[in-house]
Amino acid sequence: MASKPASDTLTQPQLSLVSKLLPLWIILSMAAGLLIGKFMPAVGKALEPGIPLGLFVMIFPAMTKLELGEIKNALRDWKSAAIVIFFNYAINPFLLYFIGSIFLSDHPELRTGLVLLGVAPCIAMVLVWTDLAKGNGPLGIVLMAWNSLIQIVTTPFFIWLILGAHVSIDIRLVAQSVFLYLGLPLLTGFFVRRWALKKKGVEWFEKNAVPVLDDVQLMALMLTLIVMFALKGDVILQNPELIWLMAVPLTLFFFLLFFGVLMVSRRIGFCYADAATTSFHCTGRNFELAIAIALTAFASQPMIAVSTVIGPLIEVPLMLTIVYLAKKCEWKLFGTNTAGAYSQQARTARDI
């Protein structure tokens, strides 16, 4: 039994080749930042004041894609939204803290960074993973809207709840960071979208504005990552074991969560596209927000910022691996081939 798409009014988003190559650009940006940090550290220092603007611009374009009124469409097929809300806000923050307590018990600052990565789900790059895995794009937009709204309230609460007893936290700084790097882009994106649709119409906005905004987001992401890795890359290169320390709990978290949600979605009766989309929206992490909070609310503990910077270094190859495995598992788990990973020759041989 296959579930219906969450929205009949939304159209399938089409990512450009540039956007589909986003993982490559991210890897290149991180590599460039590491090289700059090692050989030209003064460049990163000079560009450091631009990080807050870069973080804002990274998130703002994703917010312009949200039609908040479309959240009501999720009520017609509420199961995906219910799964995403349950896992993202009842399971994930505590699961990542639990895993971190096992593997990072001797590294409290790294464990804190891991928690920051766990408290907020991804609201931008998750659309790329969904598209690469041939998921349900319109459903992804609806789920992204839910996550964008909910995490504004829950992020400061979870940080206080999970970390308050272990580290000194100025909850006002956390709330301020969430507002500046999530709430403000959401409001700005809402009004920009509303103005553009009123003046130019939906067709113009989708065909002309969205591609430009996507390019702006990509440039902001690349430049911010370059600066961040230029600033923190020297520490990472001098202590490469930090990558391994963060990689083990994050790998366990990503694989347990994605395939756990995928099996739950299959059990409920979702088709592959809906199940994959739901799973990605439960798995991807908002590393942009985690970095912003680490830089502001935890400025006195630089290793926390280092740990959040390592996050995308690990997440990108992991999510690409999960995309590949999800497409490969479609035929075996769902009996369909929408992702095109199961060859016609193999299907014929199986039928025989």
Protein backbone atom coordinates (compact mmCIF):
# COMPACT_ATOMS: atom_id res chain seq x y z
CA MET A 1 0.00 0.00 0.00
CA ALA A 2 1.46 3.34 -1.03
CA SER A 3 0.61 6.58 0.68
CA LYS A 4 -0.49 9.59 -1.29
CA PRO A 5 1.66 12.67 -1.59
CA ALA A 6 1.11 15.17 1.17
CA SER A 7 0.15 17.96 -1.17
CA ASP A 8 -1.69 18.05 -4.44
CA THR A 9 -1.07 21.75 -4.97
CA LEU A 10 2.68 21.78 -4.63
CA THR A 11 4.75 20.88 -7.67
CA GLN A 12 7.83 18.70 -7.66
CA PRO A 13 10.85 20.97 -7.12
CA GLN A 14 13.51 20.60 -9.79
CA LEU A 15 17.07 21.12 -8.62
CA SER A 16 19.62 22.52 -11.01
CA LEU A 17 22.83 20.64 -11.80
CA VAL A 18 24.68 23.12 -9.60
CA SER A 19 22.40 22.31 -6.66
CA LYS A 20 22.68 18.56 -7.26
CA LEU A 21 26.45 18.93 -7.07
CA LEU A 22 26.12 20.71 -3.72
CA PRO A 23 27.92 17.92 -1.81
CA LEU A 24 30.92 18.36 -4.13
CA TRP A 25 30.99 22.12 -3.55
CA ILE A 26 30.80 21.59 0.20
CA ILE A 27 33.71 19.15 0.17
CA LEU A 28 35.78 21.53 -1.98
CA SER A 29 34.92 24.45 0.32
CA MET A 30 35.99 22.55 3.41
CA ALA A 31 39.24 21.51 1.71
CA ALA A 32 39.91 25.11 0.64
CA GLY A 33 39.24 26.34 4.16
CA LEU A 34 41.63 23.80 5.65
CA LEU A 35 44.37 24.87 3.23
CA ILE A 36 43.78 28.57 3.93
CA GLY A 37 43.82 27.91 7.67
CA LYS A 38 47.14 26.13 7.38
CA PHE A 39 48.99 28.40 4.96
CA MET A 40 47.15 31.76 5.19
CA PRO A 41 45.50 31.96 8.63
CA ALA A 42 45.32 35.76 8.48
CA VAL A 43 42.76 35.50 5.66
CA GLY A 44 40.32 33.57 7.82
CA LYS A 45 40.75 36.05 10.68
CA ALA A 46 40.07 38.97 8.35
CA LEU A 47 36.86 37.36 7.06
CA GLU A 48 35.60 36.23 10.47
CA PRO A 49 33.23 39.23 10.96
CA GLY A 50 31.30 38.09 7.88
CA ILE A 51 30.27 34.75 9.44
CA PRO A 52 26.99 36.01 11.00
CA LEU A 53 25.87 37.44 7.65
CA GLY A 54 26.89 34.25 5.88
CA LEU A 55 24.90 32.11 8.31
CA PHE A 56 21.82 34.28 7.79
CA VAL A 57 22.09 34.17 4.00
CA MET A 58 22.60 30.39 4.11
CA ILE A 59 19.21 29.86 5.75
CA PHE A 60 17.14 32.69 4.22
CA PRO A 61 16.70 31.19 0.69
CA ALA A 62 15.28 27.96 2.11
CA MET A 63 12.70 30.00 3.99
CA THR A 64 11.47 31.68 0.80
CA LYS A 65 10.39 28.25 -0.46
CA LEU A 66 7.99 27.76 2.44
CA GLU A 67 4.31 28.38 1.90
CA LEU A 68 3.17 28.28 5.50
CA GLY A 69 -0.43 27.81 4.41
CA GLU A 70 0.58 24.48 2.89
CA ILE A 71 1.10 23.01 6.35
CA LYS A 72 -2.64 22.34 6.38
CA ASN A 73 -2.08 19.87 3.53
CA ALA A 74 -0.12 17.69 5.92
CA LEU A 75 -3.29 17.23 7.95
CA ARG A 76 -4.79 15.26 5.06
CA ASP A 77 -1.90 12.80 5.24
CA TRP A 78 -0.67 13.49 8.74
CA LYS A 79 1.39 10.34 9.26
CA SER A 80 4.62 11.72 7.75
CA ALA A 81 4.41 14.90 9.82
CA ALA A 82 3.66 12.87 12.96
CA ILE A 83 6.70 10.62 12.40
CA VAL A 84 9.00 13.59 11.75
CA ILE A 85 7.77 15.51 14.78
CA PHE A 86 8.03 12.47 17.04
CA PHE A 87 11.55 11.48 16.04
CA ASN A 88 12.98 15.01 15.75
CA TYR A 89 11.61 16.31 19.04
CA ALA A 90 11.08 13.28 21.26
CA ILE A 91 13.92 10.97 20.20
CA ASN A 92 16.80 12.64 18.35
CA PRO A 93 18.16 15.15 20.92
CA PHE A 94 18.24 12.49 23.63
CA LEU A 95 19.51 9.74 21.33
CA LEU A 96 22.51 11.78 20.22
CA TYR A 97 23.22 12.83 23.80
CA PHE A 98 23.06 9.17 24.88
CA ILE A 99 25.40 8.07 22.08
CA GLY A 100 27.74 10.96 22.89
CA SER A 101 27.79 9.98 26.56
CA ILE A 102 29.04 6.54 25.56
CA PHE A 103 31.69 7.52 23.02
CA LEU A 104 32.67 11.01 24.22
CA SER A 105 32.52 10.69 27.99
CA ASP A 106 36.11 11.95 28.26
CA HIS A 107 35.53 14.85 25.83
CA PRO A 108 32.77 17.06 27.31
CA GLU A 109 33.18 19.89 24.78
CA LEU A 110 32.88 17.52 21.84
CA ARG A 111 29.84 15.97 23.51
CA THR A 112 28.30 19.43 23.86
CA GLY A 113 28.89 20.08 20.16
CA LEU A 114 27.25 16.75 19.38
CA VAL A 115 24.17 17.80 21.34
CA LEU A 116 24.02 21.11 19.44
CA LEU A 117 24.01 19.12 16.21
CA GLY A 118 21.23 16.92 17.54
CA VAL A 119 18.68 19.44 18.77
CA ALA A 120 17.62 20.90 15.41
CA PRO A 121 16.74 19.06 12.16
CA CYS A 122 18.03 20.18 8.78
CA ILE A 123 15.87 22.65 6.83
CA ALA A 124 17.92 23.29 3.70
CA MET A 125 20.28 20.58 2.47
CA VAL A 126 17.70 17.92 3.30
CA LEU A 127 15.91 18.92 0.09
CA VAL A 128 19.06 18.01 -1.83
CA TRP A 129 19.29 14.57 -0.22
CA THR A 130 15.59 13.99 -0.89
CA ASP A 131 15.98 14.91 -4.55
CA LEU A 132 19.09 12.76 -5.04
CA ALA A 133 17.25 9.78 -3.55
CA LYS A 134 14.19 10.41 -5.78
CA GLY A 135 11.97 11.20 -2.83
CA ASN A 136 8.68 13.12 -2.67
CA GLY A 137 9.67 16.77 -3.16
CA PRO A 138 6.30 18.38 -2.28
CA LEU A 139 6.10 16.33 0.90
CA GLY A 140 9.62 17.50 1.74
CA ILE A 141 8.54 21.16 1.49
CA VAL A 142 5.68 20.52 3.92
CA LEU A 143 7.94 18.69 6.38
CA MET A 144 10.54 21.44 6.13
CA ALA A 145 7.85 23.96 7.07
CA TRP A 146 6.94 21.96 10.15
CA ASN A 147 10.58 21.66 11.23
CA SER A 148 11.32 25.34 10.58
CA LEU A 149 8.51 26.48 12.86
CA ILE A 150 8.87 23.94 15.65
CA GLN A 151 12.63 24.17 16.17
CA ILE A 152 12.44 27.92 16.85
CA VAL A 153 10.73 27.04 20.13
CA THR A 154 12.29 23.67 20.93
CA THR A 155 15.99 24.38 20.26
CA PRO A 156 16.61 26.67 23.28
CA PHE A 157 14.50 24.37 25.45
CA PHE A 158 16.41 21.20 24.55
CA ILE A 159 19.79 22.90 24.99
CA TRP A 160 18.74 24.02 28.47
CA LEU A 161 17.19 20.64 29.31
CA ILE A 162 20.06 18.45 28.13
CA LEU A 163 23.11 20.65 28.77
CA GLY A 164 21.96 22.92 31.58
CA ALA A 165 23.12 20.57 34.32
CA HIS A 166 26.53 19.98 32.70
CA VAL A 167 27.74 23.30 31.27
CA SER A 168 27.18 26.96 32.00
CA ILE A 169 24.58 28.27 29.57
CA ASP A 170 23.24 31.75 28.97
CA ILE A 171 19.83 30.72 27.67
CA ARG A 172 19.21 34.27 26.47
CA LEU A 173 22.17 34.01 24.10
CA VAL A 174 20.90 30.66 22.83
CA ALA A 175 17.43 32.10 22.21
CA GLN A 176 18.95 35.15 20.56
CA SER A 177 21.02 32.95 18.23
CA VAL A 178 17.96 30.88 17.30
CA PHE A 179 16.00 34.05 16.53
CA LEU A 180 18.79 35.69 14.50
CA TYR A 181 19.73 32.62 12.46
CA LEU A 182 16.36 30.88 12.20
CA GLY A 183 13.47 33.11 13.25
CA LEU A 184 14.63 36.22 11.41
CA PRO A 185 15.38 34.36 8.13
CA LEU A 186 11.95 32.73 8.42
CA LEU A 187 10.19 36.08 8.80
CA THR A 188 12.28 37.70 6.08
CA GLY A 189 11.71 34.79 3.71
CA PHE A 190 7.97 34.85 4.38
CA PHE A 191 7.62 38.55 3.55
CA VAL A 192 9.95 38.38 0.54
CA ARG A 193 7.97 35.45 -0.87
CA ARG A 194 4.67 37.16 -0.17
CA TRP A 195 5.81 40.38 -1.85
CA ALA A 196 7.26 38.55 -4.88
CA LEU A 197 4.14 36.44 -5.41
CA LYS A 198 1.94 39.51 -5.19
CA LYS A 199 4.05 41.54 -7.61
CA LYS A 200 5.25 38.87 -10.05
CA GLY A 201 3.19 35.73 -9.51
CA VAL A 202 4.02 32.13 -8.65
CA GLU A 203 5.38 31.16 -12.08
CA TRP A 204 7.87 34.04 -12.18
CA PHE A 205 8.97 33.38 -8.61
CA GLU A 206 9.58 29.68 -9.20
CA LYS A 207 11.32 30.09 -12.55
CA ASN A 208 13.33 33.27 -11.93
CA ALA A 209 13.70 34.03 -8.25
CA VAL A 210 14.20 30.55 -6.80
CA PRO A 211 17.22 29.65 -9.00
CA VAL A 212 18.91 32.94 -8.06
CA LEU A 213 18.19 32.39 -4.38
CA ASP A 214 19.57 28.86 -4.64
CA ASP A 215 22.80 30.22 -6.10
CA VAL A 216 23.00 32.86 -3.35
CA GLN A 217 22.51 30.17 -0.74
CA LEU A 218 25.20 28.00 -2.30
CA MET A 219 27.69 30.89 -2.42
CA ALA A 220 26.94 31.85 1.19
CA LEU A 221 27.32 28.24 2.31
CA MET A 222 30.62 27.80 0.49
CA LEU A 223 32.11 31.09 1.70
CA THR A 224 30.98 30.50 5.29
CA LEU A 225 32.43 26.99 5.32
CA ILE A 226 35.70 28.27 3.86
CA VAL A 227 35.96 30.89 6.61
CA MET A 228 34.92 28.47 9.35
CA PHE A 229 37.45 25.84 8.30
CA ALA A 230 40.11 28.52 7.85
CA LEU A 231 39.53 29.57 11.46
CA LYS A 232 39.21 26.11 13.00
CA GLY A 233 41.03 24.02 10.41
CA ASP A 234 44.41 24.40 12.08
CA VAL A 235 43.04 22.76 15.23
CA ILE A 236 41.50 19.97 13.15
CA LEU A 237 44.70 19.36 11.20
CA GLN A 238 46.79 19.33 14.37
CA ASN A 239 44.30 17.02 16.07
CA PRO A 240 42.95 14.72 13.33
CA GLU A 241 41.67 12.35 16.00
CA LEU A 242 38.84 14.86 16.55
CA ILE A 243 37.34 13.74 13.26
CA TRP A 244 37.39 10.10 14.33
CA LEU A 245 35.96 10.94 17.76
CA MET A 246 33.02 12.77 16.20
CA ALA A 247 32.62 10.37 13.28
CA VAL A 248 31.84 7.27 15.34
CA PRO A 249 28.78 8.62 17.24
CA LEU A 250 27.49 10.58 14.22
CA THR A 251 27.77 7.56 11.91
CA LEU A 252 25.90 5.38 14.40
CA PHE A 253 23.24 8.07 14.83
CA PHE A 254 22.67 8.68 11.12
CA PHE A 255 22.41 5.03 10.14
CA LEU A 256 20.28 3.98 13.11
CA LEU A 257 17.90 6.87 12.60
CA PHE A 258 17.53 6.83 8.83
CA PHE A 259 16.98 3.11 8.41
CA GLY A 260 14.93 2.90 11.60
CA VAL A 261 12.53 5.57 10.30
CA LEU A 262 12.56 3.97 6.85
CA MET A 263 11.40 0.66 8.32
CA VAL A 264 8.75 2.38 10.45
CA SER A 265 7.48 4.21 7.36
CA ARG A 266 7.41 0.99 5.36
CA ARG A 267 5.53 -0.75 8.15
CA ILE A 268 2.90 1.99 8.14
CA GLY A 269 2.44 1.55 4.40
CA PHE A 270 4.38 4.43 2.83
CA CYS A 271 5.65 4.13 -0.71
CA TYR A 272 9.42 4.43 -1.21
CA ALA A 273 9.36 8.14 -2.13
CA ASP A 274 7.38 9.13 0.97
CA ALA A 275 9.35 6.82 3.26
CA ALA A 276 12.72 8.14 2.03
CA THR A 277 11.59 11.76 2.33
CA THR A 278 10.31 11.23 5.87
CA SER A 279 13.54 9.46 6.84
CA PHE A 280 15.79 12.22 5.49
CA HIS A 281 13.80 14.88 7.34
CA CYS A 282 14.30 12.91 10.56
CA THR A 283 18.01 12.34 9.97
CA GLY A 284 19.61 15.50 8.52
CA ARG A 285 20.99 17.95 11.08
CA ASN A 286 20.93 21.75 11.03
CA PHE A 287 24.69 22.24 11.30
CA GLU A 288 24.34 25.90 10.29
CA LEU A 289 22.31 26.65 13.42
CA ALA A 290 24.60 24.48 15.56
CA ILE A 291 27.64 26.46 14.37
CA ALA A 292 25.87 29.77 15.02
CA ILE A 293 24.93 28.78 18.58
CA ALA A 294 28.42 27.44 19.27
CA LEU A 295 30.01 30.71 18.11
CA THR A 296 27.72 32.91 20.19
CA ALA A 297 26.40 31.13 23.27
CA PHE A 298 29.56 29.02 23.75
CA ALA A 299 32.19 31.49 22.57
CA SER A 300 34.33 30.88 25.68
CA GLN A 301 34.67 27.18 24.78
CA PRO A 302 36.24 27.11 21.29
CA MET A 303 36.37 23.32 21.04
CA ILE A 304 32.58 23.26 20.94
CA ALA A 305 32.68 25.37 17.77
CA VAL A 306 35.36 23.04 16.36
CA SER A 307 33.12 20.03 16.96
CA THR A 308 30.17 21.67 15.16
CA VAL A 309 32.43 22.60 12.24
CA ILE A 310 33.49 18.95 11.98
CA GLY A 311 29.77 18.10 11.70
CA PRO A 312 29.36 18.83 7.96
CA LEU A 313 32.74 17.25 7.25
CA ILE A 314 31.23 13.98 8.46
CA GLU A 315 27.58 14.50 7.53
CA VAL A 316 28.07 15.12 3.80
CA PRO A 317 29.78 11.81 2.90
CA LEU A 318 27.49 9.93 5.30
CA MET A 319 24.33 11.34 3.73
CA LEU A 320 25.63 10.61 0.23
CA THR A 321 26.24 7.03 1.33
CA ILE A 322 22.73 6.83 2.76
CA VAL A 323 21.27 8.20 -0.49
CA TYR A 324 23.04 5.42 -2.40
CA LEU A 325 21.93 2.71 0.04
CA ALA A 326 18.34 3.96 0.12
CA LYS A 327 18.06 3.72 -3.66
CA LYS A 328 19.61 0.26 -3.59
CA CYS A 329 17.18 -0.91 -0.90
CA GLU A 330 14.04 0.32 -2.65
CA TRP A 331 13.34 -2.81 -4.67
CA LYS A 332 14.03 -5.18 -1.80
CA LEU A 333 11.99 -3.26 0.78
CA PHE A 334 9.22 -1.69 -1.31
CA GLY A 335 9.12 -3.74 -4.51
CA THR A 336 9.34 -0.60 -6.67
CA ASN A 337 12.05 0.99 -8.79
CA THR A 338 11.25 4.72 -8.75
CA ALA A 339 14.84 5.57 -7.80
CA GLY A 340 16.16 3.66 -10.80
CA ALA A 341 18.68 1.69 -8.78
CA TYR A 342 17.36 -1.73 -9.73
CA SER A 343 18.29 -2.61 -13.30
CA GLN A 344 15.86 -4.02 -15.83
CA GLN A 345 18.19 -6.94 -16.40
CA ALA A 346 18.22 -7.79 -12.71
CA ARG A 347 14.45 -7.53 -12.52
CA THR A 348 14.03 -9.82 -15.52
CA ALA A 349 16.42 -12.35 -13.99
CA ARG A 350 14.50 -12.21 -10.72
CA ASP A 351 11.16 -12.72 -12.46
CA ILE A 352 12.54 -15.74 -14.30
